[in-house]
């Protein structure tokens, strides 16, 4: 039985690394190959922090690849929606814009 786990690191809303962790280096965390469970964690991070940044743990390299692909696809979709929203900015006579797809923009004011 494989005791390794894989950490998918997301920084600045981009997947930057997948690391294999040996059993001795495992941290207490959710280790799953259920894409729905891992993506739920991703969505919760986005909702509470306004970004995807974090470390996500899965039980196989294939699951790490799948998760990283989903994360990047989700970010691409948000960028496309944000771009469309930005193009419509000013149509209502209000010449300012805040990205409506960032649920919690408080981290931007730091």
PDB file of N, CA and C in Angstrom:
ATOM      1  N   UNK A   1       0.831  -1.188   0.000  1.00  0.00           N
ATOM      2  CA  UNK A   1       0.000   0.000   0.000  1.00  0.00           C
ATOM      3  C   UNK A   1       0.873   1.249   0.000  1.00  0.00           C
ATOM      4  N   UNK A   2       0.588   2.177  -0.876  1.00  0.00           N
ATOM      5  CA  UNK A   2       1.355   3.403  -0.987  1.00  0.00           C
ATOM      6  C   UNK A   2       0.981   4.352   0.149  1.00  0.00           C
ATOM      7  N   UNK A   3       1.963   4.734   0.938  1.00  0.00           N
ATOM      8  CA  UNK A   3       1.730   5.628   2.074  1.00  0.00           C
ATOM      9  C   UNK A   3       2.074   7.071   1.727  1.00  0.00           C
ATOM     10  N   UNK A   4       2.508   7.323   0.504  1.00  0.00           N
ATOM     11  CA  UNK A   4       2.866   8.680   0.117  1.00  0.00           C
ATOM     12  C   UNK A   4       1.621   9.525  -0.095  1.00  0.00           C
ATOM     13  N   UNK A   5       1.814  10.807  -0.047  1.00  0.00           N
ATOM     14  CA  UNK A   5       0.756  11.739  -0.410  1.00  0.00           C
ATOM     15  C   UNK A   5       1.407  12.838  -1.229  1.00  0.00           C
ATOM     16  N   UNK A   6       0.581  13.646  -1.846  1.00  0.00           N
ATOM     17  CA  UNK A   6       1.077  14.677  -2.740  1.00  0.00           C
ATOM     18  C   UNK A   6       0.478  16.016  -2.349  1.00  0.00           C
ATOM     19  N   UNK A   7       1.334  17.026  -2.311  1.00  0.00           N
ATOM     20  CA  UNK A   7       0.904  18.369  -1.954  1.00  0.00           C
ATOM     21  C   UNK A   7       0.910  19.224  -3.212  1.00  0.00           C
ATOM     22  N   UNK A   8      -0.244  19.803  -3.522  1.00  0.00           N
ATOM     23  CA  UNK A   8      -0.372  20.724  -4.640  1.00  0.00           C
ATOM     24  C   UNK A   8      -0.313  22.127  -4.037  1.00  0.00           C
ATOM     25  N   UNK A   9       0.692  22.898  -4.411  1.00  0.00           N
ATOM     26  CA  UNK A   9       0.864  24.247  -3.881  1.00  0.00           C
ATOM     27  C   UNK A   9       0.307  25.269  -4.866  1.00  0.00           C
ATOM     28  N   UNK A  10      -0.563  26.143  -4.341  1.00  0.00           N
ATOM     29  CA  UNK A  10      -1.149  27.207  -5.152  1.00  0.00           C
ATOM     30  C   UNK A  10      -0.733  28.532  -4.532  1.00  0.00           C
ATOM     31  N   UNK A  11      -0.085  29.380  -5.321  1.00  0.00           N
ATOM     32  CA  UNK A  11       0.352  30.696  -4.869  1.00  0.00           C
ATOM     33  C   UNK A  11      -0.036  31.715  -5.931  1.00  0.00           C
ATOM     34  N   UNK A  12      -0.514  32.851  -5.477  1.00  0.00           N
ATOM     35  CA  UNK A  12      -0.967  33.904  -6.399  1.00  0.00           C
ATOM     36  C   UNK A  12      -1.966  33.349  -7.407  1.00  0.00           C
ATOM     37  N   UNK A  13      -2.837  32.467  -6.925  1.00  0.00           N
ATOM     38  CA  UNK A  13      -3.892  31.844  -7.719  1.00  0.00           C
ATOM     39  C   UNK A  13      -3.388  30.951  -8.849  1.00  0.00           C
ATOM     40  N   UNK A  14      -2.144  30.524  -8.792  1.00  0.00           N
ATOM     41  CA  UNK A  14      -1.584  29.668  -9.828  1.00  0.00           C
ATOM     42  C   UNK A  14      -0.958  28.440  -9.171  1.00  0.00           C
ATOM     43  N   UNK A  15      -1.180  27.283  -9.765  1.00  0.00           N
ATOM     44  CA  UNK A  15      -0.528  26.069  -9.285  1.00  0.00           C
ATOM     45  C   UNK A  15       0.953  26.199  -9.601  1.00  0.00           C
ATOM     46  N   UNK A  16       1.793  26.121  -8.560  1.00  0.00           N
ATOM     47  CA  UNK A  16       3.223  26.307  -8.769  1.00  0.00           C
ATOM     48  C   UNK A  16       4.035  25.035  -8.570  1.00  0.00           C
ATOM     49  N   UNK A  17       3.469  24.055  -7.860  1.00  0.00           N
ATOM     50  CA  UNK A  17       4.288  22.883  -7.567  1.00  0.00           C
ATOM     51  C   UNK A  17       3.424  21.722  -7.100  1.00  0.00           C
ATOM     52  N   UNK A  18       3.872  20.526  -7.442  1.00  0.00           N
ATOM     53  CA  UNK A  18       3.321  19.298  -6.865  1.00  0.00           C
ATOM     54  C   UNK A  18       4.503  18.572  -6.236  1.00  0.00           C
ATOM     55  N   UNK A  19       4.407  18.329  -4.931  1.00  0.00           N
ATOM     56  CA  UNK A  19       5.469  17.634  -4.201  1.00  0.00           C
ATOM     57  C   UNK A  19       4.978  16.307  -3.673  1.00  0.00           C
ATOM     58  N   UNK A  20       5.838  15.323  -3.765  1.00  0.00           N
ATOM     59  CA  UNK A  20       5.562  14.015  -3.159  1.00  0.00           C
ATOM     60  C   UNK A  20       6.085  14.045  -1.732  1.00  0.00           C
ATOM     61  N   UNK A  21       5.252  13.653  -0.794  1.00  0.00           N
ATOM     62  CA  UNK A  21       5.636  13.619   0.611  1.00  0.00           C
ATOM     63  C   UNK A  21       5.644  12.176   1.086  1.00  0.00           C
ATOM     64  N   UNK A  22       6.742  11.754   1.640  1.00  0.00           N
ATOM     65  CA  UNK A  22       6.831  10.411   2.203  1.00  0.00           C
ATOM     66  C   UNK A  22       6.025  10.354   3.492  1.00  0.00           C
ATOM     67  N   UNK A  23       5.712   9.152   3.912  1.00  0.00           N
ATOM     68  CA  UNK A  23       4.915   8.952   5.122  1.00  0.00           C
ATOM     69  C   UNK A  23       5.506   9.715   6.306  1.00  0.00           C
ATOM     70  N   UNK A  24       6.807   9.744   6.429  1.00  0.00           N
ATOM     71  CA  UNK A  24       7.448  10.421   7.555  1.00  0.00           C
ATOM     72  C   UNK A  24       7.221  11.928   7.528  1.00  0.00           C
ATOM     73  N   UNK A  25       6.961  12.480   6.352  1.00  0.00           N
ATOM     74  CA  UNK A  25       6.792  13.919   6.212  1.00  0.00           C
ATOM     75  C   UNK A  25       5.333  14.351   6.123  1.00  0.00           C
ATOM     76  N   UNK A  26       4.438  13.420   6.295  1.00  0.00           N
ATOM     77  CA  UNK A  26       3.014  13.744   6.184  1.00  0.00           C
ATOM     78  C   UNK A  26       2.593  14.664   7.310  1.00  0.00           C
ATOM     79  N   UNK A  27       1.822  15.642   6.955  1.00  0.00           N
ATOM     80  CA  UNK A  27       1.229  16.527   7.955  1.00  0.00           C
ATOM     81  C   UNK A  27      -0.211  16.102   8.150  1.00  0.00           C
ATOM     82  N   UNK A  28      -0.781  16.503   9.262  1.00  0.00           N
ATOM     83  CA  UNK A  28      -2.196  16.202   9.481  1.00  0.00           C
ATOM     84  C   UNK A  28      -3.004  17.052   8.513  1.00  0.00           C
ATOM     85  N   UNK A  29      -3.615  16.393   7.574  1.00  0.00           N
ATOM     86  CA  UNK A  29      -4.421  17.091   6.583  1.00  0.00           C
ATOM     87  C   UNK A  29      -5.330  16.083   5.900  1.00  0.00           C
ATOM     88  N   UNK A  30      -6.285  16.608   5.180  1.00  0.00           N
ATOM     89  CA  UNK A  30      -7.180  15.743   4.426  1.00  0.00           C
ATOM     90  C   UNK A  30      -6.410  15.198   3.237  1.00  0.00           C
ATOM     91  N   UNK A  31      -6.346  13.915   3.122  1.00  0.00           N
ATOM     92  CA  UNK A  31      -5.710  13.278   1.986  1.00  0.00           C
ATOM     93  C   UNK A  31      -6.782  12.460   1.295  1.00  0.00           C
ATOM     94  N   UNK A  32      -7.136  12.867   0.108  1.00  0.00           N
ATOM     95  CA  UNK A  32      -8.221  12.207  -0.596  1.00  0.00           C
ATOM     96  C   UNK A  32      -7.946  12.201  -2.087  1.00  0.00           C
ATOM     97  N   UNK A  33      -8.535  11.288  -2.783  1.00  0.00           N
ATOM     98  CA  UNK A  33      -8.496  11.303  -4.242  1.00  0.00           C
ATOM     99  C   UNK A  33      -9.875  11.647  -4.796  1.00  0.00           C
ATOM    100  N   UNK A  34     -10.757  12.110  -3.935  1.00  0.00           N
ATOM    101  CA  UNK A  34     -12.098  12.515  -4.353  1.00  0.00           C
ATOM    102  C   UNK A  34     -12.033  13.956  -4.871  1.00  0.00           C
ATOM    103  N   UNK A  35     -12.116  14.150  -6.192  1.00  0.00           N
ATOM    104  CA  UNK A  35     -11.990  15.498  -6.742  1.00  0.00           C
ATOM    105  C   UNK A  35     -13.024  16.475  -6.174  1.00  0.00           C
ATOM    106  N   UNK A  36     -14.208  15.990  -5.894  1.00  0.00           N
ATOM    107  CA  UNK A  36     -15.239  16.873  -5.353  1.00  0.00           C
ATOM    108  C   UNK A  36     -14.831  17.413  -3.985  1.00  0.00           C
ATOM    109  N   UNK A  37     -14.277  16.544  -3.148  1.00  0.00           N
ATOM    110  CA  UNK A  37     -13.871  16.963  -1.811  1.00  0.00           C
ATOM    111  C   UNK A  37     -12.735  17.980  -1.876  1.00  0.00           C
ATOM    112  N   UNK A  38     -11.742  17.718  -2.712  1.00  0.00           N
ATOM    113  CA  UNK A  38     -10.612  18.637  -2.826  1.00  0.00           C
ATOM    114  C   UNK A  38     -11.054  19.956  -3.453  1.00  0.00           C
ATOM    115  N   UNK A  39     -11.910  19.906  -4.452  1.00  0.00           N
ATOM    116  CA  UNK A  39     -12.393  21.134  -5.092  1.00  0.00           C
ATOM    117  C   UNK A  39     -13.286  21.937  -4.150  1.00  0.00           C
ATOM    118  N   UNK A  40     -13.988  21.256  -3.259  1.00  0.00           N
ATOM    119  CA  UNK A  40     -14.779  21.959  -2.250  1.00  0.00           C
ATOM    120  C   UNK A  40     -13.854  22.751  -1.335  1.00  0.00           C
ATOM    121  N   UNK A  41     -12.728  22.164  -0.977  1.00  0.00           N
ATOM    122  CA  UNK A  41     -11.743  22.866  -0.157  1.00  0.00           C
ATOM    123  C   UNK A  41     -11.208  24.078  -0.923  1.00  0.00           C
ATOM    124  N   UNK A  42     -10.945  23.908  -2.206  1.00  0.00           N
ATOM    125  CA  UNK A  42     -10.484  25.010  -3.060  1.00  0.00           C
ATOM    126  C   UNK A  42     -11.507  26.140  -3.078  1.00  0.00           C
ATOM    127  N   UNK A  43     -12.773  25.801  -3.283  1.00  0.00           N
ATOM    128  CA  UNK A  43     -13.839  26.810  -3.332  1.00  0.00           C
ATOM    129  C   UNK A  43     -13.996  27.518  -1.989  1.00  0.00           C
ATOM    130  N   UNK A  44     -13.871  26.773  -0.896  1.00  0.00           N
ATOM    131  CA  UNK A  44     -13.972  27.388   0.430  1.00  0.00           C
ATOM    132  C   UNK A  44     -12.825  28.366   0.659  1.00  0.00           C
ATOM    133  N   UNK A  45     -11.634  27.992   0.223  1.00  0.00           N
ATOM    134  CA  UNK A  45     -10.485  28.889   0.331  1.00  0.00           C
ATOM    135  C   UNK A  45     -10.737  30.161  -0.467  1.00  0.00           C
ATOM    136  N   UNK A  46     -11.258  30.015  -1.676  1.00  0.00           N
ATOM    137  CA  UNK A  46     -11.537  31.168  -2.522  1.00  0.00           C
ATOM    138  C   UNK A  46     -12.582  32.071  -1.872  1.00  0.00           C
ATOM    139  N   UNK A  47     -13.605  31.473  -1.299  1.00  0.00           N
ATOM    140  CA  UNK A  47     -14.675  32.253  -0.674  1.00  0.00           C
ATOM    141  C   UNK A  47     -14.182  33.000   0.558  1.00  0.00           C
ATOM    142  N   UNK A  48     -13.392  32.343   1.383  1.00  0.00           N
ATOM    143  CA  UNK A  48     -12.965  32.983   2.628  1.00  0.00           C
ATOM    144  C   UNK A  48     -11.766  33.906   2.451  1.00  0.00           C
ATOM    145  N   UNK A  49     -10.899  33.629   1.478  1.00  0.00           N
ATOM    146  CA  UNK A  49      -9.675  34.419   1.310  1.00  0.00           C
ATOM    147  C   UNK A  49      -9.654  35.282   0.058  1.00  0.00           C
ATOM    148  N   UNK A  50     -10.595  35.063  -0.846  1.00  0.00           N
ATOM    149  CA  UNK A  50     -10.583  35.804  -2.106  1.00  0.00           C
ATOM    150  C   UNK A  50      -9.528  35.308  -3.072  1.00  0.00           C
ATOM    151  N   UNK A  51      -8.939  34.157  -2.763  1.00  0.00           N
ATOM    152  CA  UNK A  51      -7.942  33.569  -3.658  1.00  0.00           C
ATOM    153  C   UNK A  51      -7.888  32.065  -3.409  1.00  0.00           C
ATOM    154  N   UNK A  52      -7.187  31.367  -4.274  1.00  0.00           N
ATOM    155  CA  UNK A  52      -7.079  29.913  -4.174  1.00  0.00           C
ATOM    156  C   UNK A  52      -5.858  29.464  -3.388  1.00  0.00           C
ATOM    157  N   UNK A  53      -5.027  30.392  -3.003  1.00  0.00           N
ATOM    158  CA  UNK A  53      -3.750  30.061  -2.402  1.00  0.00           C
ATOM    159  C   UNK A  53      -3.892  29.083  -1.238  1.00  0.00           C
ATOM    160  N   UNK A  54      -3.005  28.123  -1.223  1.00  0.00           N
ATOM    161  CA  UNK A  54      -2.992  27.151  -0.147  1.00  0.00           C
ATOM    162  C   UNK A  54      -2.273  25.890  -0.574  1.00  0.00           C
ATOM    163  N   UNK A  55      -2.209  24.961   0.337  1.00  0.00           N
ATOM    164  CA  UNK A  55      -1.626  23.653   0.076  1.00  0.00           C
ATOM    165  C   UNK A  55      -2.756  22.635   0.121  1.00  0.00           C
ATOM    166  N   UNK A  56      -2.846  21.830  -0.913  1.00  0.00           N
ATOM    167  CA  UNK A  56      -3.916  20.845  -1.050  1.00  0.00           C
ATOM    168  C   UNK A  56      -3.281  19.467  -1.117  1.00  0.00           C
ATOM    169  N   UNK A  57      -3.788  18.537  -0.329  1.00  0.00           N
ATOM    170  CA  UNK A  57      -3.175  17.219  -0.195  1.00  0.00           C
ATOM    171  C   UNK A  57      -4.072  16.140  -0.795  1.00  0.00           C
ATOM    172  N   UNK A  58      -3.468  15.329  -1.655  1.00  0.00           N
ATOM    173  CA  UNK A  58      -4.178  14.215  -2.271  1.00  0.00           C
ATOM    174  C   UNK A  58      -3.304  12.966  -2.145  1.00  0.00           C
ATOM    175  N   UNK A  59      -3.906  11.816  -2.426  1.00  0.00           N
ATOM    176  CA  UNK A  59      -3.239  10.534  -2.154  1.00  0.00           C
ATOM    177  C   UNK A  59      -2.522   9.917  -3.344  1.00  0.00           C
ATOM    178  N   UNK A  60      -2.595  10.549  -4.513  1.00  0.00           N
ATOM    179  CA  UNK A  60      -1.877   9.983  -5.661  1.00  0.00           C
ATOM    180  C   UNK A  60      -1.433  11.111  -6.582  1.00  0.00           C
ATOM    181  N   UNK A  61      -0.405  10.813  -7.371  1.00  0.00           N
ATOM    182  CA  UNK A  61       0.094  11.823  -8.307  1.00  0.00           C
ATOM    183  C   UNK A  61      -0.964  12.131  -9.368  1.00  0.00           C
ATOM    184  N   UNK A  62      -1.690  11.115  -9.806  1.00  0.00           N
ATOM    185  CA  UNK A  62      -2.751  11.343 -10.795  1.00  0.00           C
ATOM    186  C   UNK A  62      -3.820  12.285 -10.269  1.00  0.00           C
ATOM    187  N   UNK A  63      -4.184  12.110  -8.999  1.00  0.00           N
ATOM    188  CA  UNK A  63      -5.170  12.999  -8.388  1.00  0.00           C
ATOM    189  C   UNK A  63      -4.612  14.415  -8.267  1.00  0.00           C
ATOM    190  N   UNK A  64      -3.308  14.521  -7.992  1.00  0.00           N
ATOM    191  CA  UNK A  64      -2.674  15.846  -7.912  1.00  0.00           C
ATOM    192  C   UNK A  64      -2.713  16.535  -9.275  1.00  0.00           C
ATOM    193  N   UNK A  65      -2.433  15.791 -10.326  1.00  0.00           N
ATOM    194  CA  UNK A  65      -2.501  16.352 -11.680  1.00  0.00           C
ATOM    195  C   UNK A  65      -3.920  16.799 -12.020  1.00  0.00           C
ATOM    196  N   UNK A  66      -4.891  15.963 -11.698  1.00  0.00           N
ATOM    197  CA  UNK A  66      -6.289  16.303 -11.965  1.00  0.00           C
ATOM    198  C   UNK A  66      -6.689  17.551 -11.210  1.00  0.00           C
ATOM    199  N   UNK A  67      -6.347  17.602  -9.931  1.00  0.00           N
ATOM    200  CA  UNK A  67      -6.684  18.765  -9.124  1.00  0.00           C
ATOM    201  C   UNK A  67      -6.021  20.021  -9.676  1.00  0.00           C
ATOM    202  N   UNK A  68      -4.739  19.936 -10.028  1.00  0.00           N
ATOM    203  CA  UNK A  68      -4.036  21.094 -10.572  1.00  0.00           C
ATOM    204  C   UNK A  68      -4.700  21.570 -11.860  1.00  0.00           C
ATOM    205  N   UNK A  69      -5.112  20.647 -12.710  1.00  0.00           N
ATOM    206  CA  UNK A  69      -5.801  21.015 -13.955  1.00  0.00           C
ATOM    207  C   UNK A  69      -7.131  21.701 -13.679  1.00  0.00           C
ATOM    208  N   UNK A  70      -7.881  21.173 -12.709  1.00  0.00           N
ATOM    209  CA  UNK A  70      -9.163  21.786 -12.342  1.00  0.00           C
ATOM    210  C   UNK A  70      -8.936  23.187 -11.795  1.00  0.00           C
ATOM    211  N   UNK A  71      -7.935  23.329 -10.949  1.00  0.00           N
ATOM    212  CA  UNK A  71      -7.620  24.628 -10.363  1.00  0.00           C
ATOM    213  C   UNK A  71      -7.270  25.647 -11.449  1.00  0.00           C
ATOM    214  N   UNK A  72      -6.427  25.259 -12.376  1.00  0.00           N
ATOM    215  CA  UNK A  72      -6.033  26.168 -13.451  1.00  0.00           C
ATOM    216  C   UNK A  72      -7.212  26.496 -14.366  1.00  0.00           C
ATOM    217  N   UNK A  73      -8.069  25.513 -14.636  1.00  0.00           N
ATOM    218  CA  UNK A  73      -9.258  25.759 -15.456  1.00  0.00           C
ATOM    219  C   UNK A  73     -10.222  26.716 -14.768  1.00  0.00           C
ATOM    220  N   UNK A  74     -10.371  26.543 -13.456  1.00  0.00           N
ATOM    221  CA  UNK A  74     -11.239  27.421 -12.682  1.00  0.00           C
ATOM    222  C   UNK A  74     -10.705  28.848 -12.715  1.00  0.00           C
ATOM    223  N   UNK A  75      -9.406  29.004 -12.553  1.00  0.00           N
ATOM    224  CA  UNK A  75      -8.791  30.330 -12.604  1.00  0.00           C
ATOM    225  C   UNK A  75      -8.954  30.943 -13.994  1.00  0.00           C
ATOM    226  N   UNK A  76      -8.782  30.157 -15.030  1.00  0.00           N
ATOM    227  CA  UNK A  76      -8.941  30.650 -16.395  1.00  0.00           C
ATOM    228  C   UNK A  76     -10.367  31.153 -16.611  1.00  0.00           C
ATOM    229  N   UNK A  77     -11.336  30.406 -16.118  1.00  0.00           N
ATOM    230  CA  UNK A  77     -12.734  30.812 -16.239  1.00  0.00           C
ATOM    231  C   UNK A  77     -12.993  32.121 -15.504  1.00  0.00           C
ATOM    232  N   UNK A  78     -12.434  32.258 -14.298  1.00  0.00           N
ATOM    233  CA  UNK A  78     -12.607  33.511 -13.552  1.00  0.00           C
ATOM    234  C   UNK A  78     -11.972  34.694 -14.279  1.00  0.00           C
ATOM    235  N   UNK A  79     -10.828  34.459 -14.888  1.00  0.00           N
ATOM    236  CA  UNK A  79     -10.171  35.527 -15.656  1.00  0.00           C
ATOM    237  C   UNK A  79     -11.017  35.941 -16.852  1.00  0.00           C
ATOM    238  N   UNK A  80     -11.589  34.972 -17.536  1.00  0.00           N
ATOM    239  CA  UNK A  80     -12.432  35.281 -18.691  1.00  0.00           C
ATOM    240  C   UNK A  80     -13.678  36.063 -18.276  1.00  0.00           C
ATOM    241  N   UNK A  81     -14.332  35.630 -17.178  1.00  0.00           N
ATOM    242  CA  UNK A  81     -15.513  36.340 -16.675  1.00  0.00           C
ATOM    243  C   UNK A  81     -15.145  37.742 -16.205  1.00  0.00           C
ATOM    244  N   UNK A  82     -13.995  37.858 -15.551  1.00  0.00           N
ATOM    245  CA  UNK A  82     -13.540  39.172 -15.086  1.00  0.00           C
ATOM    246  C   UNK A  82     -13.280  40.108 -16.263  1.00  0.00           C
ATOM    247  N   UNK A  83     -12.705  39.586 -17.311  1.00  0.00           N
ATOM    248  CA  UNK A  83     -12.415  40.387 -18.497  1.00  0.00           C
ATOM    249  C   UNK A  83     -13.703  40.895 -19.140  1.00  0.00           C
ATOM    250  N   UNK A  84     -14.699  40.045 -19.244  1.00  0.00           N
ATOM    251  CA  UNK A  84     -15.995  40.452 -19.794  1.00  0.00           C
ATOM    252  C   UNK A  84     -16.620  41.528 -18.917  1.00  0.00           C
ATOM    253  N   UNK A  85     -16.560  41.340 -17.608  1.00  0.00           N
ATOM    254  CA  UNK A  85     -17.102  42.329 -16.680  1.00  0.00           C
ATOM    255  C   UNK A  85     -16.373  43.663 -16.813  1.00  0.00           C
ATOM    256  N   UNK A  86     -15.064  43.615 -16.941  1.00  0.00           N
ATOM    257  CA  UNK A  86     -14.272  44.839 -17.085  1.00  0.00           C
ATOM    258  C   UNK A  86     -14.620  45.576 -18.379  1.00  0.00           C
ATOM    259  N   UNK A  87     -14.850  44.823 -19.454  1.00  0.00           N
ATOM    260  CA  UNK A  87     -15.214  45.453 -20.725  1.00  0.00           C
ATOM    261  C   UNK A  87     -16.537  46.197 -20.624  1.00  0.00           C
ATOM    262  N   UNK A  88     -17.436  45.756 -19.750  1.00  0.00           N
ATOM    263  CA  UNK A  88     -18.739  46.394 -19.571  1.00  0.00           C
ATOM    264  C   UNK A  88     -18.693  47.532 -18.552  1.00  0.00           C
ATOM    265  N   UNK A  89     -17.574  47.685 -17.866  1.00  0.00           N
ATOM    266  CA  UNK A  89     -17.451  48.723 -16.838  1.00  0.00           C
ATOM    267  C   UNK A  89     -17.680  50.101 -17.462  1.00  0.00           C
ATOM    268  N   UNK A  90     -18.415  50.919 -16.766  1.00  0.00           N
ATOM    269  CA  UNK A  90     -18.706  52.272 -17.233  1.00  0.00           C
ATOM    270  C   UNK A  90     -19.999  52.380 -18.002  1.00  0.00           C
ATOM    271  N   UNK A  91     -20.564  51.255 -18.431  1.00  0.00           N
ATOM    272  CA  UNK A  91     -21.816  51.285 -19.183  1.00  0.00           C
ATOM    273  C   UNK A  91     -22.961  51.869 -18.363  1.00  0.00           C
ATOM    274  N   UNK A  92     -22.859  51.766 -17.051  1.00  0.00           N
ATOM    275  CA  UNK A  92     -23.924  52.263 -16.176  1.00  0.00           C
ATOM    276  C   UNK A  92     -23.674  53.700 -15.717  1.00  0.00           C
ATOM    277  N   UNK A  93     -22.647  54.340 -16.256  1.00  0.00           N
ATOM    278  CA  UNK A  93     -22.336  55.716 -15.880  1.00  0.00           C
ATOM    279  C   UNK A  93     -21.438  55.813 -14.655  1.00  0.00           C
ATOM    280  N   UNK A  94     -21.184  54.708 -14.005  1.00  0.00           N
ATOM    281  CA  UNK A  94     -20.291  54.692 -12.849  1.00  0.00           C
ATOM    282  C   UNK A  94     -18.907  54.273 -13.350  1.00  0.00           C
ATOM    283  N   UNK A  95     -17.983  55.196 -13.352  1.00  0.00           N
ATOM    284  CA  UNK A  95     -16.684  54.924 -13.951  1.00  0.00           C
ATOM    285  C   UNK A  95     -15.675  54.411 -12.929  1.00  0.00           C
ATOM    286  N   UNK A  96     -16.066  53.316 -12.313  1.00  0.00           N
ATOM    287  CA  UNK A  96     -15.167  52.566 -11.440  1.00  0.00           C
ATOM    288  C   UNK A  96     -15.523  51.091 -11.618  1.00  0.00           C
ATOM    289  N   UNK A  97     -14.644  50.237 -11.153  1.00  0.00           N
ATOM    290  CA  UNK A  97     -14.893  48.806 -11.321  1.00  0.00           C
ATOM    291  C   UNK A  97     -14.235  48.040 -10.190  1.00  0.00           C
ATOM    292  N   UNK A  98     -14.954  47.093  -9.646  1.00  0.00           N
ATOM    293  CA  UNK A  98     -14.431  46.140  -8.678  1.00  0.00           C
ATOM    294  C   UNK A  98     -14.772  44.764  -9.224  1.00  0.00           C
ATOM    295  N   UNK A  99     -13.806  43.889  -9.226  1.00  0.00           N
ATOM    296  CA  UNK A  99     -14.021  42.563  -9.779  1.00  0.00           C
ATOM    297  C   UNK A  99     -15.079  41.819  -8.957  1.00  0.00           C
ATOM    298  N   UNK A 100     -16.232  41.530  -9.563  1.00  0.00           N
ATOM    299  CA  UNK A 100     -17.303  40.854  -8.828  1.00  0.00           C
ATOM    300  C   UNK A 100     -17.029  39.373  -8.576  1.00  0.00           C
ATOM    301  N   UNK A 101     -15.979  38.843  -9.164  1.00  0.00           N
ATOM    302  CA  UNK A 101     -15.680  37.423  -9.028  1.00  0.00           C
ATOM    303  C   UNK A 101     -14.671  37.135  -7.921  1.00  0.00           C
ATOM    304  N   UNK A 102     -14.262  38.173  -7.208  1.00  0.00           N
ATOM    305  CA  UNK A 102     -13.433  37.993  -6.022  1.00  0.00           C
ATOM    306  C   UNK A 102     -14.362  38.145  -4.840  1.00  0.00           C
ATOM    307  N   UNK A 103     -14.692  37.034  -4.180  1.00  0.00           N
ATOM    308  CA  UNK A 103     -15.708  37.077  -3.139  1.00  0.00           C
ATOM    309  C   UNK A 103     -15.342  37.910  -1.931  1.00  0.00           C
ATOM    310  N   UNK A 104     -14.046  38.056  -1.656  1.00  0.00           N
ATOM    311  CA  UNK A 104     -13.626  38.742  -0.449  1.00  0.00           C
ATOM    312  C   UNK A 104     -12.391  39.581  -0.775  1.00  0.00           C
ATOM    313  N   UNK A 105     -12.581  40.754  -1.371  1.00  0.00           N
ATOM    314  CA  UNK A 105     -11.414  41.525  -1.858  1.00  0.00           C
ATOM    315  C   UNK A 105     -10.639  42.235  -0.760  1.00  0.00           C
ATOM    316  N   UNK A 106     -10.902  41.948   0.530  1.00  0.00           N
ATOM    317  CA  UNK A 106     -10.207  42.660   1.587  1.00  0.00           C
ATOM    318  C   UNK A 106      -8.683  42.449   1.530  1.00  0.00           C
ATOM    319  N   UNK A 107      -8.230  41.321   0.980  1.00  0.00           N
ATOM    320  CA  UNK A 107      -6.785  41.084   0.899  1.00  0.00           C
ATOM    321  C   UNK A 107      -6.112  42.047  -0.083  1.00  0.00           C
ATOM    322  N   UNK A 108      -6.900  42.687  -0.963  1.00  0.00           N
ATOM    323  CA  UNK A 108      -6.342  43.619  -1.932  1.00  0.00           C
ATOM    324  C   UNK A 108      -5.951  44.949  -1.310  1.00  0.00           C
ATOM    325  N   UNK A 109      -6.544  45.282  -0.170  1.00  0.00           N
ATOM    326  CA  UNK A 109      -6.278  46.577   0.437  1.00  0.00           C
ATOM    327  C   UNK A 109      -5.074  46.565   1.380  1.00  0.00           C
ATOM    328  N   UNK A 110      -4.405  45.421   1.470  1.00  0.00           N
ATOM    329  CA  UNK A 110      -3.226  45.318   2.350  1.00  0.00           C
ATOM    330  C   UNK A 110      -2.033  46.000   1.752  1.00  0.00           C
TER     331      UNK A 110
END
